Amino acid sequence: MRLTPLNIVSAGLILLAALPFLKGTGGGETPVGFYYYMLLVALCVISDLLFRGLLRNLKRIWIVELSFIIFVAVLLVLFKFLS
């Protein structure tokens, strides 16, 4: 298994989703943020599998996935400021 940027992002998102439960502040309810992070994890995993299927060279996978992450981050920041 090759380590890719989207794998790292997925691990970070899973940690962010689990933080309320690890701190004990869940209060018996599942926070909405948990579902948001799990949706992002699913999208990261699917896009990682797609990029791995399309590209065979590990260097190209890293370049394309880092570009994808930067593009999505810029879009999220723009949507946050525009709304």
C-alpha atoms as a PDB file:
ATOM      1  CA  MET A   1       0.000   0.000   0.000  1.00  0.00           C
ATOM      2  CA  ARG A   2       1.402   3.347  -1.051  1.00  0.00           C
ATOM      3  CA  LEU A   3       1.091   6.412   1.122  1.00  0.00           C
ATOM      4  CA  THR A   4      -0.616   9.294  -0.669  1.00  0.00           C
ATOM      5  CA  PRO A   5      -1.750  12.794   0.352  1.00  0.00           C
ATOM      6  CA  LEU A   6      -5.410  11.806   0.321  1.00  0.00           C
ATOM      7  CA  ASN A   7      -4.646   8.944   2.732  1.00  0.00           C
ATOM      8  CA  ILE A   8      -3.082  11.469   5.105  1.00  0.00           C
ATOM      9  CA  VAL A   9      -6.073  13.816   4.765  1.00  0.00           C
ATOM     10  CA  SER A  10      -8.481  10.918   5.371  1.00  0.00           C
ATOM     11  CA  ALA A  11      -6.660   9.964   8.573  1.00  0.00           C
ATOM     12  CA  GLY A  12      -6.795  13.566   9.773  1.00  0.00           C
ATOM     13  CA  LEU A  13     -10.507  13.824   9.016  1.00  0.00           C
ATOM     14  CA  ILE A  14     -11.214  10.615  10.915  1.00  0.00           C
ATOM     15  CA  LEU A  15      -9.319  12.054  13.881  1.00  0.00           C
ATOM     16  CA  LEU A  16     -11.333  15.294  13.692  1.00  0.00           C
ATOM     17  CA  ALA A  17     -14.570  13.304  13.545  1.00  0.00           C
ATOM     18  CA  ALA A  18     -13.558  11.263  16.593  1.00  0.00           C
ATOM     19  CA  LEU A  19     -12.401  14.187  18.759  1.00  0.00           C
ATOM     20  CA  PRO A  20     -15.798  14.928  20.377  1.00  0.00           C
ATOM     21  CA  PHE A  21     -16.121  11.280  21.342  1.00  0.00           C
ATOM     22  CA  LEU A  22     -12.554  11.060  22.626  1.00  0.00           C
ATOM     23  CA  LYS A  23     -13.007  14.151  24.784  1.00  0.00           C
ATOM     24  CA  GLY A  24     -16.229  12.791  26.231  1.00  0.00           C
ATOM     25  CA  THR A  25     -18.272  15.809  25.095  1.00  0.00           C
ATOM     26  CA  GLY A  26     -20.486  13.780  22.783  1.00  0.00           C
ATOM     27  CA  GLY A  27     -23.286  13.786  25.344  1.00  0.00           C
ATOM     28  CA  GLY A  28     -24.931  10.714  23.849  1.00  0.00           C
ATOM     29  CA  GLU A  29     -25.731  12.564  20.637  1.00  0.00           C
ATOM     30  CA  THR A  30     -23.856  12.331  17.379  1.00  0.00           C
ATOM     31  CA  PRO A  31     -22.743  15.828  16.364  1.00  0.00           C
ATOM     32  CA  VAL A  32     -23.524  17.004  12.853  1.00  0.00           C
ATOM     33  CA  GLY A  33     -19.806  17.599  12.293  1.00  0.00           C
ATOM     34  CA  PHE A  34     -19.235  13.853  12.591  1.00  0.00           C
ATOM     35  CA  TYR A  35     -21.372  13.172   9.512  1.00  0.00           C
ATOM     36  CA  TYR A  36     -19.724  16.035   7.645  1.00  0.00           C
ATOM     37  CA  TYR A  37     -16.250  14.637   8.334  1.00  0.00           C
ATOM     38  CA  MET A  38     -17.311  11.091   7.443  1.00  0.00           C
ATOM     39  CA  LEU A  39     -18.708  12.355   4.130  1.00  0.00           C
ATOM     40  CA  LEU A  40     -15.380  14.059   3.430  1.00  0.00           C
ATOM     41  CA  VAL A  41     -13.514  10.851   4.342  1.00  0.00           C
ATOM     42  CA  ALA A  42     -15.654   8.888   1.891  1.00  0.00           C
ATOM     43  CA  LEU A  43     -14.974  11.448  -0.850  1.00  0.00           C
ATOM     44  CA  CYS A  44     -11.233  11.344  -0.124  1.00  0.00           C
ATOM     45  CA  VAL A  45     -11.129   7.558  -0.272  1.00  0.00           C
ATOM     46  CA  ILE A  46     -13.122   7.409  -3.511  1.00  0.00           C
ATOM     47  CA  SER A  47     -11.020  10.094  -5.184  1.00  0.00           C
ATOM     48  CA  ASP A  48      -7.820   8.387  -3.970  1.00  0.00           C
ATOM     49  CA  LEU A  49      -8.923   5.116  -5.548  1.00  0.00           C
ATOM     50  CA  LEU A  50      -9.812   6.962  -8.746  1.00  0.00           C
ATOM     51  CA  PHE A  51      -6.416   8.661  -8.939  1.00  0.00           C
ATOM     52  CA  ARG A  52      -4.615   5.398  -8.182  1.00  0.00           C
ATOM     53  CA  GLY A  53      -6.498   3.695 -10.995  1.00  0.00           C
ATOM     54  CA  LEU A  54      -5.734   6.435 -13.501  1.00  0.00           C
ATOM     55  CA  LEU A  55      -2.100   7.086 -12.578  1.00  0.00           C
ATOM     56  CA  ARG A  56       0.560   4.456 -12.018  1.00  0.00           C
ATOM     57  CA  ASN A  57       3.574   6.621 -11.172  1.00  0.00           C
ATOM     58  CA  LEU A  58       3.745   7.482  -7.460  1.00  0.00           C
ATOM     59  CA  LYS A  59       5.321  10.889  -8.142  1.00  0.00           C
ATOM     60  CA  ARG A  60       2.452  11.848 -10.446  1.00  0.00           C
ATOM     61  CA  ILE A  61      -0.098  10.621  -7.915  1.00  0.00           C
ATOM     62  CA  TRP A  62       1.448  12.899  -5.281  1.00  0.00           C
ATOM     63  CA  ILE A  63       1.459  15.903  -7.649  1.00  0.00           C
ATOM     64  CA  VAL A  64      -2.130  15.382  -8.804  1.00  0.00           C
ATOM     65  CA  GLU A  65      -3.489  14.666  -5.314  1.00  0.00           C
ATOM     66  CA  LEU A  66      -1.727  17.659  -3.757  1.00  0.00           C
ATOM     67  CA  SER A  67      -3.114  19.850  -6.538  1.00  0.00           C
ATOM     68  CA  PHE A  68      -6.572  18.401  -5.903  1.00  0.00           C
ATOM     69  CA  ILE A  69      -6.328  19.077  -2.151  1.00  0.00           C
ATOM     70  CA  ILE A  70      -5.198  22.674  -2.724  1.00  0.00           C
ATOM     71  CA  PHE A  71      -8.010  23.219  -5.257  1.00  0.00           C
ATOM     72  CA  VAL A  72     -10.660  21.887  -2.862  1.00  0.00           C
ATOM     73  CA  ALA A  73      -9.260  23.915   0.044  1.00  0.00           C
ATOM     74  CA  VAL A  74      -9.385  27.118  -2.026  1.00  0.00           C
ATOM     75  CA  LEU A  75     -12.971  26.345  -3.067  1.00  0.00           C
ATOM     76  CA  LEU A  76     -14.013  25.758   0.551  1.00  0.00           C
ATOM     77  CA  VAL A  77     -12.452  29.048   1.641  1.00  0.00           C
ATOM     78  CA  LEU A  78     -14.128  30.914  -1.230  1.00  0.00           C
ATOM     79  CA  PHE A  79     -17.536  29.412  -0.440  1.00  0.00           C
ATOM     80  CA  LYS A  80     -17.135  30.291   3.223  1.00  0.00           C
ATOM     81  CA  PHE A  81     -16.339  33.916   2.475  1.00  0.00           C
ATOM     82  CA  LEU A  82     -18.981  34.298  -0.247  1.00  0.00           C
ATOM     83  CA  SER A  83     -21.836  32.960   1.862  1.00  0.00           C
END
